[in-house]
Amino acid sequence: MKTKTYYFFCEGCGGDTAAYNLLVRCPYCHAVKATFLLLGDSEGLSDPEAARVVEQHRKKWSSKNGVAFADALPKKNRAWFRR
C-alpha cells in the first residue's frame, strides 16, 4: 500500500518540504498557513510534477527578491529599550 505524501512550499522562507501528514507550520521558519502553502499530494501529483510545481513557486518567490517575509517588514524601533 502506497502512503500518501503531501507537498508544501513556504512563501515566508522559500523552503519546501514533503510530509506524510498535514502540517500546520513550516518546519524551517515556523510560519503559519498564511504563507505555508499545500501544493498537492502524491495522488494528484507525481514526483516530477511536484518538483515542477515547487520550482514554479520558487521562481515566483525569487522574483520578489527572495526576501523572507519577516525580513521584508519594517524594523521596529527598539531604542526605547536601551539604557
Protein backbone atom coordinates (compact mmCIF):
# COMPACT_ATOMS: atom_id res chain seq x y z
CA MET A 1 0.00 0.00 0.00
CA LYS A 2 1.38 3.38 -1.03
CA THR A 3 1.44 6.06 1.64
CA LYS A 4 0.12 9.50 0.80
CA THR A 5 2.70 12.28 0.65
CA TYR A 6 1.83 15.98 0.94
CA TYR A 7 3.97 18.66 -0.72
CA PHE A 8 4.33 22.11 0.88
CA PHE A 9 6.03 25.40 -0.01
CA CYS A 10 6.67 28.28 2.39
CA GLU A 11 6.42 31.76 0.91
CA GLY A 12 7.99 33.13 4.07
CA CYS A 13 11.41 31.47 3.84
CA GLY A 14 11.30 29.80 0.41
CA GLY A 15 11.59 26.32 1.86
CA ASP A 16 9.80 23.28 0.52
CA THR A 17 9.05 20.00 2.23
CA ALA A 18 7.19 16.76 1.80
CA ALA A 19 5.42 15.05 4.70
CA TYR A 20 3.24 12.03 5.34
CA ASN A 21 0.77 14.08 7.37
CA LEU A 22 -0.75 17.54 7.01
CA LEU A 23 1.42 20.21 8.56
CA VAL A 24 0.23 23.47 10.06
CA ARG A 25 3.58 25.27 10.31
CA CYS A 26 6.72 25.50 8.23
CA PRO A 27 9.41 23.26 9.77
CA TYR A 28 12.11 25.82 8.91
CA CYS A 29 10.76 29.26 9.86
CA HIS A 30 7.58 28.16 11.72
CA ALA A 31 5.34 30.30 9.51
CA VAL A 32 1.63 29.58 9.76
CA LYS A 33 -0.88 28.86 6.99
CA ALA A 34 -0.89 32.41 5.58
CA THR A 35 2.48 31.78 3.91
CA PHE A 36 2.74 27.98 4.19
CA LEU A 37 1.01 26.52 1.13
CA LEU A 38 -0.15 22.98 0.44
CA LEU A 39 0.84 22.31 -3.18
CA GLY A 40 -0.77 18.91 -3.51
CA ASP A 41 -0.49 15.27 -2.59
CA SER A 42 1.01 12.14 -4.12
CA GLU A 43 -2.36 11.07 -5.52
CA GLY A 44 -2.73 14.27 -7.54
CA LEU A 45 0.94 14.90 -8.35
CA SER A 46 3.70 12.56 -9.42
CA ASP A 47 7.26 13.28 -8.24
CA PRO A 48 8.32 15.12 -11.45
CA GLU A 49 5.11 17.17 -11.42
CA ALA A 50 5.62 18.08 -7.76
CA ALA A 51 9.20 19.15 -8.49
CA ARG A 52 7.95 21.33 -11.36
CA VAL A 53 5.29 22.98 -9.18
CA VAL A 54 7.82 23.63 -6.40
CA GLU A 55 10.24 25.13 -8.94
CA GLN A 56 7.48 27.46 -10.22
CA HIS A 57 6.76 28.66 -6.68
CA ARG A 58 10.49 29.09 -6.02
CA LYS A 59 10.87 31.25 -9.18
CA LYS A 60 7.90 33.39 -8.11
CA TRP A 61 9.40 33.71 -4.62
CA SER A 62 12.83 34.63 -6.06
CA SER A 63 11.28 37.27 -8.32
CA LYS A 64 10.17 39.05 -5.14
CA ASN A 65 13.92 39.44 -4.40
CA GLY A 66 13.87 36.18 -2.45
CA VAL A 67 13.45 38.09 0.79
CA ALA A 68 11.94 36.23 3.70
CA PHE A 69 8.57 37.64 4.75
CA ALA A 70 9.78 38.75 8.19
CA ASP A 71 12.84 40.48 6.69
CA ALA A 72 10.66 42.49 4.32
CA LEU A 73 8.71 44.05 7.20
CA PRO A 74 9.95 47.38 8.56
CA LYS A 75 12.19 47.03 11.60
CA LYS A 76 10.74 48.13 14.92
CA ASN A 77 12.46 50.91 16.78
CA ARG A 78 13.80 49.33 19.94
CA ALA A 79 15.74 52.42 21.08
CA TRP A 80 13.37 52.95 24.00
CA PHE A 81 14.54 49.64 25.46
CA ARG A 82 18.22 50.61 25.70
CA ARG A 83 19.61 52.25 28.82
